[in-house]
Amino acid sequence: MSFIKYCYKKLKATALDALYPEDIKCFGCGKDLPRKNIYNICPECMKTFELNNGKICQKCGANVYGQAGYCFDCKNNERLFDKARAPLIYTGVTRKLIRHFKYDDAKYLKRYFARLLAEEYAKCDFVADVVVPVPLCKEHLKERGYNQALLIAEEFCKLMGLPLDKDNLIRIRNTESQTGKSRDERKHNLDGAFKQIDKTAFAHKNVLLIDDVFTTGSTVNECAKTLRARHVYVLTVAHTKSRLRSVSAPAALPHTFKRRG
C-alpha cells in the first residue's frame, strides 16, 4: 500500500470514528448499537415513535378523539397563532431524544428533527415567508450553550430554502422553567417576556415559529402576541397528548380566530 493510500485510509477511519463512534448505546432502551448508527437509537425503538398522524385539532395540532375538530385547550383558551403542527407525540423514546438533545449536548439530532419538520411542513397548508426560532432566555442559553430551537430552525431553512430571522424576536427577561407549571402559571411566567426589535420586520409577512415541544402553547402564543406579522404558524418536533375532552363545533371557538391588528 502506498503512503498516500495509507494516509487516506487513516483519515477516513478517523472521520468515521467522529461521525459513528463505537461502543454507543441506544437512547431508548440502552442496548449496544452497531458502529454506523448516527442517531443512537435502535430499529426496535424507532418503531415505538408515536406519530401524530391521527385526527388532530384544527388549531393547535393536538391529537383529538372521535368526531372532534378541536381540542379542549383550544376551546377554552385564546390562541393568537394561526395554526400549529407537530409530527410526533411527546412520549416514550421521543421524549428521551428531545431531552437528550436539549440537556446532553446531542446537537447532531438537529438534522433528524429538521427533516421531520420539513416533511410535516410539506403536508401542511402553511405558506411561510420567514422562519423564526423561539428564543431562549440568557440564563438558560448560558447554561446549555445553545438554543435548541435555533439549531433545528437553521437546518430546516437549509432543507426548505427559506430565510431565517434569529435576531428580531428576543427574550427581554429570564423566565423560570415551564416544567411542572400549570397553564395559568405558564402564561403568567411568560407575560412580557418577548420583544420584536424591528417593528416592521414582519409586516405583511407569514412567520413560521419553530420550537422543540408544544405543551400548552403558552410560549408560542406569547411569541405570536409579540410578533407584528400577517400570519403566525408554528412547527414543533412533538406535541404533548391532549386532554380527552374535545369539541366538534367551530362556533364554540370564536376567540381562537381573533383577527390580527
C-alpha atoms as a PDB file:
ATOM      1  CA  MET A   1       0.000   0.000   0.000  1.00  0.00           C
ATOM      2  CA  SER A   2       1.361   3.393  -0.947  1.00  0.00           C
ATOM      3  CA  PHE A   3       1.919   6.061   1.699  1.00  0.00           C
ATOM      4  CA  ILE A   4      -0.814   8.277   0.172  1.00  0.00           C
ATOM      5  CA  LYS A   5      -3.361   5.447   0.253  1.00  0.00           C
ATOM      6  CA  TYR A   6      -2.353   4.633   3.829  1.00  0.00           C
ATOM      7  CA  CYS A   7      -2.876   8.271   4.901  1.00  0.00           C
ATOM      8  CA  TYR A   8      -6.221   8.390   3.137  1.00  0.00           C
ATOM      9  CA  LYS A   9      -7.353   5.187   4.861  1.00  0.00           C
ATOM     10  CA  LYS A  10      -6.342   6.531   8.298  1.00  0.00           C
ATOM     11  CA  LEU A  11      -8.064   9.856   7.611  1.00  0.00           C
ATOM     12  CA  LYS A  12     -11.267   8.090   6.551  1.00  0.00           C
ATOM     13  CA  ALA A  13     -11.192   5.895   9.655  1.00  0.00           C
ATOM     14  CA  THR A  14     -10.743   8.968  11.863  1.00  0.00           C
ATOM     15  CA  ALA A  15     -13.705  10.661  10.203  1.00  0.00           C
ATOM     16  CA  LEU A  16     -15.844   7.564  10.706  1.00  0.00           C
ATOM     17  CA  ASP A  17     -14.869   7.443  14.371  1.00  0.00           C
ATOM     18  CA  ALA A  18     -16.051  11.014  14.761  1.00  0.00           C
ATOM     19  CA  LEU A  19     -19.331  10.504  12.923  1.00  0.00           C
ATOM     20  CA  TYR A  20     -20.140   6.994  14.099  1.00  0.00           C
ATOM     21  CA  PRO A  21     -18.451   6.323  17.460  1.00  0.00           C
ATOM     22  CA  GLU A  22     -18.055   2.746  18.658  1.00  0.00           C
ATOM     23  CA  ASP A  23     -19.460   1.344  21.905  1.00  0.00           C
ATOM     24  CA  ILE A  24     -22.565   3.500  21.746  1.00  0.00           C
ATOM     25  CA  LYS A  25     -25.884   2.582  23.314  1.00  0.00           C
ATOM     26  CA  CYS A  26     -29.453   3.202  22.269  1.00  0.00           C
ATOM     27  CA  PHE A  27     -31.009   6.255  23.925  1.00  0.00           C
ATOM     28  CA  GLY A  28     -34.310   4.428  24.117  1.00  0.00           C
ATOM     29  CA  CYS A  29     -33.502   1.025  25.617  1.00  0.00           C
ATOM     30  CA  GLY A  30     -29.794   1.233  26.456  1.00  0.00           C
ATOM     31  CA  LYS A  31     -28.645  -1.746  24.403  1.00  0.00           C
ATOM     32  CA  ASP A  32     -25.432  -1.721  22.353  1.00  0.00           C
ATOM     33  CA  LEU A  33     -25.642  -0.396  18.828  1.00  0.00           C
ATOM     34  CA  PRO A  34     -23.659  -1.166  15.657  1.00  0.00           C
ATOM     35  CA  ARG A  35     -20.969   1.285  14.593  1.00  0.00           C
ATOM     36  CA  LYS A  36     -22.890   3.106  11.879  1.00  0.00           C
ATOM     37  CA  ASN A  37     -25.875   4.460  13.770  1.00  0.00           C
ATOM     38  CA  ILE A  38     -25.808   8.239  13.640  1.00  0.00           C
ATOM     39  CA  TYR A  39     -28.956   8.773  15.745  1.00  0.00           C
ATOM     40  CA  ASN A  40     -28.016   6.453  18.630  1.00  0.00           C
ATOM     41  CA  ILE A  41     -31.345   4.685  18.504  1.00  0.00           C
ATOM     42  CA  CYS A  42     -32.024   1.062  17.599  1.00  0.00           C
ATOM     43  CA  PRO A  43     -34.508  -0.055  14.921  1.00  0.00           C
ATOM     44  CA  GLU A  44     -36.838  -1.501  17.569  1.00  0.00           C
ATOM     45  CA  CYS A  45     -37.080   1.820  19.408  1.00  0.00           C
ATOM     46  CA  MET A  46     -37.514   3.670  16.123  1.00  0.00           C
ATOM     47  CA  LYS A  47     -40.700   1.652  15.652  1.00  0.00           C
ATOM     48  CA  THR A  48     -42.037   2.879  19.012  1.00  0.00           C
ATOM     49  CA  PHE A  49     -42.189   6.547  17.961  1.00  0.00           C
ATOM     50  CA  GLU A  50     -45.778   7.682  18.413  1.00  0.00           C
ATOM     51  CA  LEU A  51     -46.596   9.613  15.267  1.00  0.00           C
ATOM     52  CA  ASN A  52     -49.050  12.480  15.464  1.00  0.00           C
ATOM     53  CA  ASN A  53     -50.738  11.311  12.293  1.00  0.00           C
ATOM     54  CA  GLY A  54     -54.260  10.600  13.527  1.00  0.00           C
ATOM     55  CA  LYS A  55     -57.131  13.041  13.891  1.00  0.00           C
ATOM     56  CA  ILE A  56     -55.805  16.367  15.168  1.00  0.00           C
ATOM     57  CA  CYS A  57     -57.119  19.677  16.453  1.00  0.00           C
ATOM     58  CA  GLN A  58     -57.558  22.017  13.516  1.00  0.00           C
ATOM     59  CA  LYS A  59     -55.964  24.846  15.507  1.00  0.00           C
ATOM     60  CA  CYS A  60     -53.041  23.525  17.586  1.00  0.00           C
ATOM     61  CA  GLY A  61     -52.446  20.106  16.036  1.00  0.00           C
ATOM     62  CA  ALA A  62     -53.046  18.106  19.219  1.00  0.00           C
ATOM     63  CA  ASN A  63     -54.436  14.606  18.862  1.00  0.00           C
ATOM     64  CA  VAL A  64     -58.226  14.586  19.310  1.00  0.00           C
ATOM     65  CA  TYR A  65     -60.795  11.835  19.609  1.00  0.00           C
ATOM     66  CA  GLY A  66     -63.984  10.756  17.893  1.00  0.00           C
ATOM     67  CA  GLN A  67     -65.589  13.375  15.672  1.00  0.00           C
ATOM     68  CA  ALA A  68     -63.965  16.308  17.469  1.00  0.00           C
ATOM     69  CA  GLY A  69     -62.474  19.085  15.385  1.00  0.00           C
ATOM     70  CA  TYR A  70     -60.822  20.990  18.219  1.00  0.00           C
ATOM     71  CA  CYS A  71     -59.113  20.083  21.481  1.00  0.00           C
ATOM     72  CA  PHE A  72     -60.374  21.180  24.878  1.00  0.00           C
ATOM     73  CA  ASP A  73     -57.479  23.616  25.326  1.00  0.00           C
ATOM     74  CA  CYS A  74     -58.228  25.474  22.092  1.00  0.00           C
ATOM     75  CA  LYS A  75     -61.898  25.692  23.045  1.00  0.00           C
ATOM     76  CA  ASN A  76     -61.143  27.380  26.348  1.00  0.00           C
ATOM     77  CA  ASN A  77     -58.033  29.454  25.689  1.00  0.00           C
ATOM     78  CA  GLU A  78     -57.181  32.295  23.346  1.00  0.00           C
ATOM     79  CA  ARG A  79     -54.872  31.292  20.529  1.00  0.00           C
ATOM     80  CA  LEU A  80     -53.013  34.131  18.807  1.00  0.00           C
ATOM     81  CA  PHE A  81     -51.153  31.936  16.325  1.00  0.00           C
ATOM     82  CA  ASP A  82     -52.979  30.747  13.210  1.00  0.00           C
ATOM     83  CA  LYS A  83     -52.124  27.046  13.298  1.00  0.00           C
ATOM     84  CA  ALA A  84     -49.613  24.703  14.927  1.00  0.00           C
ATOM     85  CA  ARG A  85     -48.471  21.257  13.832  1.00  0.00           C
ATOM     86  CA  ALA A  86     -46.074  18.571  15.119  1.00  0.00           C
ATOM     87  CA  PRO A  87     -45.066  15.218  13.569  1.00  0.00           C
ATOM     88  CA  LEU A  88     -44.562  13.322  16.870  1.00  0.00           C
ATOM     89  CA  ILE A  89     -46.301  12.805  20.220  1.00  0.00           C
ATOM     90  CA  TYR A  90     -44.151  13.740  23.225  1.00  0.00           C
ATOM     91  CA  THR A  91     -43.978  10.300  24.831  1.00  0.00           C
ATOM     92  CA  GLY A  92     -41.534   7.427  25.263  1.00  0.00           C
ATOM     93  CA  VAL A  93     -38.492   7.473  23.013  1.00  0.00           C
ATOM     94  CA  THR A  94     -39.432  10.855  21.516  1.00  0.00           C
ATOM     95  CA  ARG A  95     -39.343  12.434  24.963  1.00  0.00           C
ATOM     96  CA  LYS A  96     -35.960  10.829  25.702  1.00  0.00           C
ATOM     97  CA  LEU A  97     -34.461  12.030  22.415  1.00  0.00           C
ATOM     98  CA  ILE A  98     -35.662  15.613  22.832  1.00  0.00           C
ATOM     99  CA  ARG A  99     -34.410  15.800  26.411  1.00  0.00           C
ATOM    100  CA  HIS A 100     -31.079  14.339  25.310  1.00  0.00           C
ATOM    101  CA  PHE A 101     -30.930  16.930  22.527  1.00  0.00           C
ATOM    102  CA  LYS A 102     -31.685  19.807  24.919  1.00  0.00           C
ATOM    103  CA  TYR A 103     -29.706  18.873  28.003  1.00  0.00           C
ATOM    104  CA  ASP A 104     -26.953  16.435  26.962  1.00  0.00           C
ATOM    105  CA  ASP A 105     -25.343  18.346  24.085  1.00  0.00           C
ATOM    106  CA  ALA A 106     -26.688  15.946  21.440  1.00  0.00           C
ATOM    107  CA  LYS A 107     -26.713  18.706  18.831  1.00  0.00           C
ATOM    108  CA  TYR A 108     -26.338  16.251  15.933  1.00  0.00           C
ATOM    109  CA  LEU A 109     -30.026  15.335  16.397  1.00  0.00           C
ATOM    110  CA  LYS A 110     -30.916  18.710  14.875  1.00  0.00           C
ATOM    111  CA  ARG A 111     -30.683  17.213  11.371  1.00  0.00           C
ATOM    112  CA  TYR A 112     -33.134  14.430  12.185  1.00  0.00           C
ATOM    113  CA  PHE A 113     -35.603  16.819  13.825  1.00  0.00           C
ATOM    114  CA  ALA A 114     -35.295  19.292  10.944  1.00  0.00           C
ATOM    115  CA  ARG A 115     -36.108  16.570   8.411  1.00  0.00           C
ATOM    116  CA  LEU A 116     -39.192  15.625  10.414  1.00  0.00           C
ATOM    117  CA  LEU A 117     -40.334  19.257  10.376  1.00  0.00           C
ATOM    118  CA  ALA A 118     -39.625  19.567   6.667  1.00  0.00           C
ATOM    119  CA  GLU A 119     -41.831  16.546   5.964  1.00  0.00           C
ATOM    120  CA  GLU A 120     -44.567  17.972   8.208  1.00  0.00           C
ATOM    121  CA  TYR A 121     -44.336  21.386   6.533  1.00  0.00           C
ATOM    122  CA  ALA A 122     -44.767  19.760   3.133  1.00  0.00           C
ATOM    123  CA  LYS A 123     -48.069  18.250   4.326  1.00  0.00           C
ATOM    124  CA  CYS A 124     -49.398  21.499   5.835  1.00  0.00           C
ATOM    125  CA  ASP A 125     -51.153  24.403   4.163  1.00  0.00           C
ATOM    126  CA  PHE A 126     -48.634  26.812   5.686  1.00  0.00           C
ATOM    127  CA  VAL A 127     -47.065  29.378   3.373  1.00  0.00           C
ATOM    128  CA  ALA A 128     -44.118  30.919   5.232  1.00  0.00           C
ATOM    129  CA  ASP A 129     -42.089  33.940   4.195  1.00  0.00           C
ATOM    130  CA  VAL A 130     -39.594  33.723   7.043  1.00  0.00           C
ATOM    131  CA  VAL A 131     -38.641  31.297   9.812  1.00  0.00           C
ATOM    132  CA  VAL A 132     -38.181  32.464  13.410  1.00  0.00           C
ATOM    133  CA  PRO A 133     -36.903  30.212  16.231  1.00  0.00           C
ATOM    134  CA  VAL A 134     -38.396  30.626  19.692  1.00  0.00           C
ATOM    135  CA  PRO A 135     -35.673  32.474  21.621  1.00  0.00           C
ATOM    136  CA  LEU A 136     -34.109  31.105  24.797  1.00  0.00           C
ATOM    137  CA  CYS A 137     -33.561  33.254  27.870  1.00  0.00           C
ATOM    138  CA  LYS A 138     -29.947  34.313  28.515  1.00  0.00           C
ATOM    139  CA  GLU A 139     -29.655  32.265  31.704  1.00  0.00           C
ATOM    140  CA  HIS A 140     -30.694  29.015  30.017  1.00  0.00           C
ATOM    141  CA  LEU A 141     -28.590  29.824  26.947  1.00  0.00           C
ATOM    142  CA  LYS A 142     -25.546  30.298  29.150  1.00  0.00           C
ATOM    143  CA  GLU A 143     -26.176  27.031  30.992  1.00  0.00           C
ATOM    144  CA  ARG A 144     -26.906  24.999  27.859  1.00  0.00           C
ATOM    145  CA  GLY A 145     -24.542  26.702  25.438  1.00  0.00           C
ATOM    146  CA  TYR A 146     -27.035  26.680  22.559  1.00  0.00           C
ATOM    147  CA  ASN A 147     -30.669  27.292  21.688  1.00  0.00           C
ATOM    148  CA  GLN A 148     -32.171  24.003  20.517  1.00  0.00           C
ATOM    149  CA  ALA A 149     -34.928  25.765  18.560  1.00  0.00           C
ATOM    150  CA  LEU A 150     -32.348  27.787  16.629  1.00  0.00           C
ATOM    151  CA  LEU A 151     -30.337  24.680  15.730  1.00  0.00           C
ATOM    152  CA  ILE A 152     -33.442  22.985  14.316  1.00  0.00           C
ATOM    153  CA  ALA A 153     -34.540  26.153  12.503  1.00  0.00           C
ATOM    154  CA  GLU A 154     -31.135  26.567  10.823  1.00  0.00           C
ATOM    155  CA  GLU A 155     -31.226  23.013   9.465  1.00  0.00           C
ATOM    156  CA  PHE A 156     -34.876  23.370   8.451  1.00  0.00           C
ATOM    157  CA  CYS A 157     -34.118  26.531   6.453  1.00  0.00           C
ATOM    158  CA  LYS A 158     -31.286  24.765   4.641  1.00  0.00           C
ATOM    159  CA  LEU A 159     -33.658  21.992   3.614  1.00  0.00           C
ATOM    160  CA  MET A 160     -36.542  24.242   2.606  1.00  0.00           C
ATOM    161  CA  GLY A 161     -34.648  27.221   1.177  1.00  0.00           C
ATOM    162  CA  LEU A 162     -36.449  29.655   3.492  1.00  0.00           C
ATOM    163  CA  PRO A 163     -34.872  32.740   5.105  1.00  0.00           C
ATOM    164  CA  LEU A 164     -34.092  32.646   8.832  1.00  0.00           C
ATOM    165  CA  ASP A 165     -34.519  35.615  11.165  1.00  0.00           C
ATOM    166  CA  LYS A 166     -32.886  34.900  14.518  1.00  0.00           C
ATOM    167  CA  ASP A 167     -32.383  38.494  15.667  1.00  0.00           C
ATOM    168  CA  ASN A 168     -35.741  40.273  15.656  1.00  0.00           C
ATOM    169  CA  LEU A 169     -37.609  38.179  18.234  1.00  0.00           C
ATOM    170  CA  ILE A 170     -35.754  38.174  21.548  1.00  0.00           C
ATOM    171  CA  ARG A 171     -36.396  37.368  25.190  1.00  0.00           C
ATOM    172  CA  ILE A 172     -36.057  40.510  27.256  1.00  0.00           C
ATOM    173  CA  ARG A 173     -36.191  38.815  30.656  1.00  0.00           C
ATOM    174  CA  ASN A 174     -35.287  35.469  32.140  1.00  0.00           C
ATOM    175  CA  THR A 175     -38.195  33.204  32.980  1.00  0.00           C
ATOM    176  CA  GLU A 176     -38.492  30.211  35.253  1.00  0.00           C
ATOM    177  CA  SER A 177     -38.621  26.769  33.705  1.00  0.00           C
ATOM    178  CA  GLN A 178     -42.082  25.934  32.406  1.00  0.00           C
ATOM    179  CA  THR A 179     -41.728  22.309  33.518  1.00  0.00           C
ATOM    180  CA  GLY A 180     -44.292  21.332  36.117  1.00  0.00           C
ATOM    181  CA  LYS A 181     -46.241  24.579  35.885  1.00  0.00           C
ATOM    182  CA  SER A 182     -49.978  24.793  35.268  1.00  0.00           C
ATOM    183  CA  ARG A 183     -51.366  26.556  32.199  1.00  0.00           C
ATOM    184  CA  ASP A 184     -52.102  29.736  34.172  1.00  0.00           C
ATOM    185  CA  GLU A 185     -48.649  29.668  35.773  1.00  0.00           C
ATOM    186  CA  ARG A 186     -47.005  29.188  32.373  1.00  0.00           C
ATOM    187  CA  LYS A 187     -48.945  32.094  30.908  1.00  0.00           C
ATOM    188  CA  HIS A 188     -48.113  34.424  33.806  1.00  0.00           C
ATOM    189  CA  ASN A 189     -44.468  33.322  33.717  1.00  0.00           C
ATOM    190  CA  LEU A 190     -44.172  34.462  30.083  1.00  0.00           C
ATOM    191  CA  ASP A 191     -46.076  37.759  30.243  1.00  0.00           C
ATOM    192  CA  GLY A 192     -43.953  40.411  28.541  1.00  0.00           C
ATOM    193  CA  ALA A 193     -41.005  38.032  28.107  1.00  0.00           C
ATOM    194  CA  PHE A 194     -40.508  38.700  24.384  1.00  0.00           C
ATOM    195  CA  LYS A 195     -39.811  41.738  22.227  1.00  0.00           C
ATOM    196  CA  GLN A 196     -39.663  42.404  18.490  1.00  0.00           C
ATOM    197  CA  ILE A 197     -36.663  44.615  17.714  1.00  0.00           C
ATOM    198  CA  ASP A 198     -37.608  45.925  14.277  1.00  0.00           C
ATOM    199  CA  LYS A 199     -41.339  46.621  14.455  1.00  0.00           C
ATOM    200  CA  THR A 200     -41.674  46.448  10.659  1.00  0.00           C
ATOM    201  CA  ALA A 201     -39.532  43.349  10.053  1.00  0.00           C
ATOM    202  CA  PHE A 202     -42.502  41.014   9.606  1.00  0.00           C
ATOM    203  CA  ALA A 203     -45.116  43.458   8.351  1.00  0.00           C
ATOM    204  CA  HIS A 204     -47.314  41.738   5.740  1.00  0.00           C
ATOM    205  CA  LYS A 205     -45.288  38.517   6.165  1.00  0.00           C
ATOM    206  CA  ASN A 206     -46.195  34.993   7.218  1.00  0.00           C
ATOM    207  CA  VAL A 207     -43.914  33.900  10.054  1.00  0.00           C
ATOM    208  CA  LEU A 208     -43.149  30.266  10.848  1.00  0.00           C
ATOM    209  CA  LEU A 209     -42.192  29.801  14.506  1.00  0.00           C
ATOM    210  CA  ILE A 210     -40.074  26.747  15.299  1.00  0.00           C
ATOM    211  CA  ASP A 211     -39.634  25.111  18.718  1.00  0.00           C
ATOM    212  CA  ASP A 212     -38.990  21.639  20.106  1.00  0.00           C
ATOM    213  CA  VAL A 213     -42.164  20.811  22.074  1.00  0.00           C
ATOM    214  CA  PHE A 214     -45.715  22.152  22.144  1.00  0.00           C
ATOM    215  CA  THR A 215     -47.063  21.640  25.671  1.00  0.00           C
ATOM    216  CA  THR A 216     -49.825  24.124  26.477  1.00  0.00           C
ATOM    217  CA  GLY A 217     -48.900  26.560  23.722  1.00  0.00           C
ATOM    218  CA  SER A 218     -48.163  29.369  26.196  1.00  0.00           C
ATOM    219  CA  THR A 219     -44.694  30.072  24.781  1.00  0.00           C
ATOM    220  CA  VAL A 220     -45.636  30.215  21.106  1.00  0.00           C
ATOM    221  CA  ASN A 221     -48.804  32.126  21.985  1.00  0.00           C
ATOM    222  CA  GLU A 222     -46.757  34.828  23.714  1.00  0.00           C
ATOM    223  CA  CYS A 223     -44.400  34.916  20.730  1.00  0.00           C
ATOM    224  CA  ALA A 224     -47.355  35.282  18.356  1.00  0.00           C
ATOM    225  CA  LYS A 225     -48.725  38.117  20.501  1.00  0.00           C
ATOM    226  CA  THR A 226     -45.372  39.890  20.254  1.00  0.00           C
ATOM    227  CA  LEU A 227     -44.839  39.425  16.527  1.00  0.00           C
ATOM    228  CA  ARG A 228     -46.316  42.041  14.223  1.00  0.00           C
ATOM    229  CA  ALA A 229     -46.973  39.712  11.330  1.00  0.00           C
ATOM    230  CA  ARG A 230     -49.764  38.910   8.913  1.00  0.00           C
ATOM    231  CA  HIS A 231     -49.941  35.267   9.992  1.00  0.00           C
ATOM    232  CA  VAL A 232     -48.019  33.199  12.543  1.00  0.00           C
ATOM    233  CA  TYR A 233     -47.728  29.440  12.059  1.00  0.00           C
ATOM    234  CA  VAL A 234     -45.990  27.027  14.421  1.00  0.00           C
ATOM    235  CA  LEU A 235     -43.979  23.841  13.872  1.00  0.00           C
ATOM    236  CA  THR A 236     -42.642  21.790  16.765  1.00  0.00           C
ATOM    237  CA  VAL A 237     -40.985  18.387  16.775  1.00  0.00           C
ATOM    238  CA  ALA A 238     -43.516  16.971  19.230  1.00  0.00           C
ATOM    239  CA  HIS A 239     -46.849  17.759  20.838  1.00  0.00           C
ATOM    240  CA  THR A 240     -47.912  16.569  24.275  1.00  0.00           C
ATOM    241  CA  LYS A 241     -51.019  14.428  24.419  1.00  0.00           C
ATOM    242  CA  SER A 242     -54.222  16.453  24.510  1.00  0.00           C
ATOM    243  CA  ARG A 243     -56.893  16.092  27.152  1.00  0.00           C
ATOM    244  CA  LEU A 244     -59.598  13.566  26.399  1.00  0.00           C
ATOM    245  CA  ARG A 245     -62.265  16.248  26.174  1.00  0.00           C
ATOM    246  CA  SER A 246     -62.678  17.926  22.798  1.00  0.00           C
ATOM    247  CA  VAL A 247     -65.295  19.770  20.775  1.00  0.00           C
ATOM    248  CA  SER A 248     -66.560  19.479  17.248  1.00  0.00           C
ATOM    249  CA  ALA A 249     -68.197  22.818  16.506  1.00  0.00           C
ATOM    250  CA  PRO A 250     -66.014  25.716  15.296  1.00  0.00           C
ATOM    251  CA  ALA A 251     -68.740  28.050  16.592  1.00  0.00           C
ATOM    252  CA  ALA A 252     -67.612  27.180  20.106  1.00  0.00           C
ATOM    253  CA  LEU A 253     -64.224  28.809  19.495  1.00  0.00           C
ATOM    254  CA  PRO A 254     -64.845  32.429  18.472  1.00  0.00           C
ATOM    255  CA  HIS A 255     -61.888  33.839  20.393  1.00  0.00           C
ATOM    256  CA  THR A 256     -59.368  31.442  18.852  1.00  0.00           C
ATOM    257  CA  PHE A 257     -59.801  33.063  15.474  1.00  0.00           C
ATOM    258  CA  LYS A 258     -59.112  36.580  16.647  1.00  0.00           C
ATOM    259  CA  ARG A 259     -58.173  38.882  13.785  1.00  0.00           C
ATOM    260  CA  ARG A 260     -54.697  40.338  13.957  1.00  0.00           C
ATOM    261  CA  GLY A 261     -54.472  44.090  14.454  1.00  0.00           C
END
